[in-house]
């Protein structure tokens, strides 16, 4: 008959070897700061559940880069990103990754 400590050791060994130790993905967020010496031209982007609204105009994730390129030509350099209570975290991460890929914009997440 097998002793209890041997069974516990085998179970511990099994769970340690079968589990995965992965690092969760991280995103770097920039918090809003006080007034600086340089004037900024903001673009207001709101996530409302599955909807993306840029300055009052509804967009999709695919059309967001070309709309932001047009805003950059108009002199915009800052994106103010706002979320509502219906926005899921994966949608936020997808949109935030697309925004970070746009050159020339600083992204600030509003509370």
Protein backbone atom coordinates (compact mmCIF):
# COMPACT_ATOMS: atom_id res chain seq x y z
CA UNK A 1 0.00 0.00 0.00
CA UNK A 2 1.26 3.50 -0.87
CA UNK A 3 1.74 5.98 1.90
CA UNK A 4 -0.19 9.25 1.89
CA UNK A 5 2.92 11.40 1.53
CA UNK A 6 3.87 9.59 -1.70
CA UNK A 7 0.44 10.25 -3.18
CA UNK A 8 0.60 13.92 -2.19
CA UNK A 9 4.08 14.22 -3.67
CA UNK A 10 2.94 12.67 -6.97
CA UNK A 11 -0.08 14.98 -7.15
CA UNK A 12 2.10 18.00 -6.43
CA UNK A 13 4.57 16.92 -9.09
CA UNK A 14 1.77 16.35 -11.61
CA UNK A 15 0.20 19.78 -11.08
CA UNK A 16 3.53 21.57 -11.17
CA UNK A 17 4.52 19.96 -14.46
CA UNK A 18 1.14 20.30 -16.13
CA UNK A 19 0.60 23.98 -15.34
CA UNK A 20 1.95 26.73 -17.54
CA UNK A 21 3.79 29.71 -16.22
CA UNK A 22 3.20 32.46 -18.72
CA UNK A 23 3.52 36.15 -18.33
CA UNK A 24 0.37 38.13 -18.96
CA UNK A 25 0.45 40.71 -21.72
CA UNK A 26 1.08 44.26 -20.62
CA UNK A 27 0.20 47.56 -22.18
CA UNK A 28 1.78 50.85 -21.24
CA UNK A 29 -0.75 53.54 -20.37
CA UNK A 30 -0.01 57.23 -20.29
CA UNK A 31 -1.93 59.13 -17.66
CA UNK A 32 -3.06 62.69 -18.23
CA UNK A 33 -0.78 65.31 -16.74
CA UNK A 34 -0.98 68.95 -15.86
CA UNK A 35 -0.61 71.79 -18.31
CA UNK A 36 2.59 71.84 -20.28
CA UNK A 37 4.25 74.62 -22.20
CA UNK A 38 3.33 73.19 -25.60
CA UNK A 39 -0.23 73.54 -26.87
CA UNK A 40 -1.85 70.30 -28.01
CA UNK A 41 -4.54 69.69 -30.57
CA UNK A 42 -6.65 66.81 -29.27
CA UNK A 43 -8.86 64.32 -31.04
CA UNK A 44 -11.64 62.84 -28.92
CA UNK A 45 -12.14 59.08 -29.35
CA UNK A 46 -14.88 57.31 -27.40
CA UNK A 47 -15.44 53.58 -27.06
CA UNK A 48 -19.09 52.77 -26.46
CA UNK A 49 -19.37 49.00 -26.20
CA UNK A 50 -18.54 47.81 -29.73
CA UNK A 51 -18.81 51.29 -31.25
CA UNK A 52 -15.86 53.60 -31.97
CA UNK A 53 -16.76 57.29 -32.18
CA UNK A 54 -14.12 59.78 -33.35
CA UNK A 55 -15.14 63.42 -32.83
CA UNK A 56 -18.82 62.44 -33.11
CA UNK A 57 -18.40 60.25 -36.20
CA UNK A 58 -18.85 56.49 -35.87
CA UNK A 59 -16.03 54.36 -37.32
CA UNK A 60 -14.87 50.77 -37.46
CA UNK A 61 -11.47 49.50 -36.37
CA UNK A 62 -10.51 49.09 -40.02
CA UNK A 63 -11.36 52.70 -40.97
CA UNK A 64 -9.80 54.22 -37.85
CA UNK A 65 -6.23 54.63 -39.25
CA UNK A 66 -7.34 56.56 -42.34
CA UNK A 67 -9.62 58.80 -40.24
CA UNK A 68 -6.74 59.53 -37.87
CA UNK A 69 -4.45 60.25 -40.82
CA UNK A 70 -6.91 62.93 -41.90
CA UNK A 71 -6.91 64.35 -38.36
CA UNK A 72 -3.09 64.39 -38.36
CA UNK A 73 -3.10 66.41 -41.58
CA UNK A 74 -5.38 68.89 -39.83
CA UNK A 75 -2.80 69.28 -37.05
CA UNK A 76 -4.04 66.90 -34.36
CA UNK A 77 -1.31 65.36 -32.22
CA UNK A 78 -3.09 63.94 -29.15
CA UNK A 79 -5.80 61.29 -28.87
CA UNK A 80 -8.05 61.47 -25.81
CA UNK A 81 -9.47 57.97 -25.38
CA UNK A 82 -12.60 57.58 -23.28
CA UNK A 83 -14.44 54.38 -22.35
CA UNK A 84 -17.95 53.73 -21.19
CA UNK A 85 -19.17 50.98 -18.87
CA UNK A 86 -20.12 48.62 -21.70
CA UNK A 87 -16.63 48.46 -23.23
CA UNK A 88 -14.90 45.14 -22.64
CA UNK A 89 -11.19 45.04 -21.96
CA UNK A 90 -10.30 43.14 -25.15
CA UNK A 91 -11.95 45.83 -27.28
CA UNK A 92 -9.96 48.48 -25.42
CA UNK A 93 -6.70 46.58 -25.99
CA UNK A 94 -7.44 46.16 -29.72
CA UNK A 95 -8.20 49.85 -30.21
CA UNK A 96 -5.28 50.96 -28.01
CA UNK A 97 -2.86 48.79 -30.01
CA UNK A 98 -4.16 50.32 -33.25
CA UNK A 99 -3.73 53.81 -31.82
CA UNK A 100 -0.18 53.15 -30.63
CA UNK A 101 0.72 52.03 -34.16
CA UNK A 102 -0.23 55.47 -35.51
CA UNK A 103 2.88 57.68 -35.72
CA UNK A 104 2.74 61.25 -34.46
CA UNK A 105 0.00 60.76 -31.86
CA UNK A 106 0.22 60.69 -28.08
CA UNK A 107 -2.59 58.58 -26.59
CA UNK A 108 -4.08 59.60 -23.25
CA UNK A 109 -6.69 57.40 -21.58
CA UNK A 110 -9.39 59.37 -19.78
CA UNK A 111 -11.08 58.12 -16.67
